[in-house]
């Protein structure tokens, strides 16, 4: 029972990282850029693609036709949180995502956004 309590405490102390990620189709170099308040949810994104329920239909279609091995998931940047003073994580995460969208331009033939 002590082990269970120990594991629960370790889980609570685990730092949750926010950031911007990319799903890249390695066959045609198309990209999907998005942000998440918890980068550990990337496995959930892969799960929804495997189950055919991903929110982006064009990406889902390519996943279905090319297969999982044609895609790679990459964390582009982890949000650096301020330790002191006011910090609006949601707003800062949106700005970070916008920076990467502007930089990589994943629109039209170049991506899924």
Protein backbone atom coordinates (compact mmCIF):
# COMPACT_ATOMS: atom_id res chain seq x y z
CA UNK A 1 0.00 0.00 0.00
CA UNK A 2 2.91 2.36 0.69
CA UNK A 3 4.13 1.89 -2.87
CA UNK A 4 0.76 3.01 -4.22
CA UNK A 5 0.86 6.17 -2.09
CA UNK A 6 4.44 6.80 -3.18
CA UNK A 7 3.53 6.50 -6.87
CA UNK A 8 0.52 8.77 -6.41
CA UNK A 9 2.72 11.41 -4.77
CA UNK A 10 5.30 11.14 -7.56
CA UNK A 11 2.53 11.66 -10.12
CA UNK A 12 1.30 14.77 -8.30
CA UNK A 13 4.81 16.21 -8.23
CA UNK A 14 5.47 15.55 -11.92
CA UNK A 15 5.83 18.85 -13.72
CA UNK A 16 3.28 19.41 -16.49
CA UNK A 17 4.82 21.09 -19.52
CA UNK A 18 2.90 23.18 -22.04
CA UNK A 19 4.14 23.72 -25.55
CA UNK A 20 3.82 23.59 -29.31
CA UNK A 21 4.07 20.37 -31.29
CA UNK A 22 4.15 19.28 -34.89
CA UNK A 23 2.78 16.22 -36.65
CA UNK A 24 4.72 15.87 -39.92
CA UNK A 25 3.86 13.67 -42.85
CA UNK A 26 7.28 12.44 -43.99
CA UNK A 27 5.97 11.44 -47.43
CA UNK A 28 4.86 14.89 -48.54
CA UNK A 29 6.36 17.10 -45.77
CA UNK A 30 2.95 18.49 -44.80
CA UNK A 31 2.75 19.67 -41.20
CA UNK A 32 0.12 20.17 -38.54
CA UNK A 33 1.10 22.66 -35.83
CA UNK A 34 -0.79 22.99 -32.56
CA UNK A 35 -0.30 23.78 -28.90
CA UNK A 36 -1.31 21.93 -25.77
CA UNK A 37 -1.29 22.76 -22.06
CA UNK A 38 0.06 19.26 -21.43
CA UNK A 39 2.63 17.80 -23.82
CA UNK A 40 2.01 14.35 -22.36
CA UNK A 41 -1.26 14.34 -24.32
CA UNK A 42 0.62 13.72 -27.59
CA UNK A 43 -0.01 10.00 -27.12
CA UNK A 44 -3.70 10.87 -27.04
CA UNK A 45 -3.37 12.67 -30.39
CA UNK A 46 -1.79 9.56 -31.87
CA UNK A 47 -4.58 7.45 -30.36
CA UNK A 48 -7.28 9.58 -32.00
CA UNK A 49 -5.49 9.28 -35.36
CA UNK A 50 -5.29 5.49 -34.98
CA UNK A 51 -9.01 5.39 -34.22
CA UNK A 52 -9.97 7.67 -37.11
CA UNK A 53 -11.36 10.46 -34.93
CA UNK A 54 -8.75 13.23 -35.26
CA UNK A 55 -10.28 16.71 -35.54
CA UNK A 56 -8.36 17.61 -38.73
CA UNK A 57 -9.98 15.60 -41.52
CA UNK A 58 -7.24 16.15 -44.15
CA UNK A 59 -4.58 14.88 -41.74
CA UNK A 60 -6.80 11.96 -40.78
CA UNK A 61 -7.26 11.00 -44.45
CA UNK A 62 -3.50 11.05 -45.09
CA UNK A 63 -2.91 9.02 -41.89
CA UNK A 64 -5.44 6.45 -43.10
CA UNK A 65 -3.93 6.20 -46.58
CA UNK A 66 -0.18 6.45 -45.74
CA UNK A 67 -0.12 4.73 -42.35
CA UNK A 68 1.33 5.57 -38.95
CA UNK A 69 4.95 5.00 -40.02
CA UNK A 70 4.72 7.97 -42.41
CA UNK A 71 4.26 10.46 -39.57
CA UNK A 72 6.46 11.86 -36.85
CA UNK A 73 5.49 13.80 -33.73
CA UNK A 74 7.88 16.51 -32.56
CA UNK A 75 7.78 18.99 -29.69
CA UNK A 76 8.81 22.28 -31.28
CA UNK A 77 9.05 24.36 -28.13
CA UNK A 78 8.21 24.07 -24.45
CA UNK A 79 6.55 27.12 -22.90
CA UNK A 80 8.79 28.78 -20.33
CA UNK A 81 6.63 29.75 -17.37
CA UNK A 82 7.38 32.79 -15.24
CA UNK A 83 7.98 31.95 -11.62
CA UNK A 84 6.98 35.37 -10.30
CA UNK A 85 4.31 37.89 -11.17
CA UNK A 86 1.26 37.48 -13.35
CA UNK A 87 1.47 34.82 -16.05
CA UNK A 88 -1.41 33.98 -18.38
CA UNK A 89 -0.42 30.52 -19.61
CA UNK A 90 -3.24 30.25 -22.16
CA UNK A 91 -2.38 33.58 -23.75
CA UNK A 92 1.35 32.86 -23.82
CA UNK A 93 0.71 29.42 -25.34
CA UNK A 94 -1.40 31.01 -28.08
CA UNK A 95 1.43 33.46 -28.84
CA UNK A 96 3.94 30.62 -28.99
CA UNK A 97 1.72 28.65 -31.38
CA UNK A 98 1.25 31.72 -33.57
CA UNK A 99 5.04 32.18 -33.72
CA UNK A 100 5.48 28.63 -35.05
CA UNK A 101 2.56 28.94 -37.49
CA UNK A 102 4.14 32.09 -38.89
CA UNK A 103 7.58 30.48 -39.08
CA UNK A 104 6.56 27.19 -40.75
CA UNK A 105 3.47 28.33 -42.71
CA UNK A 106 1.66 24.95 -42.62
CA UNK A 107 -1.18 26.02 -44.91
CA UNK A 108 -2.54 24.77 -48.22
CA UNK A 109 -0.05 22.48 -49.96
CA UNK A 110 2.44 22.92 -47.09
CA UNK A 111 0.28 21.64 -44.30
CA UNK A 112 -2.92 20.78 -42.53
CA UNK A 113 -3.61 24.02 -40.62
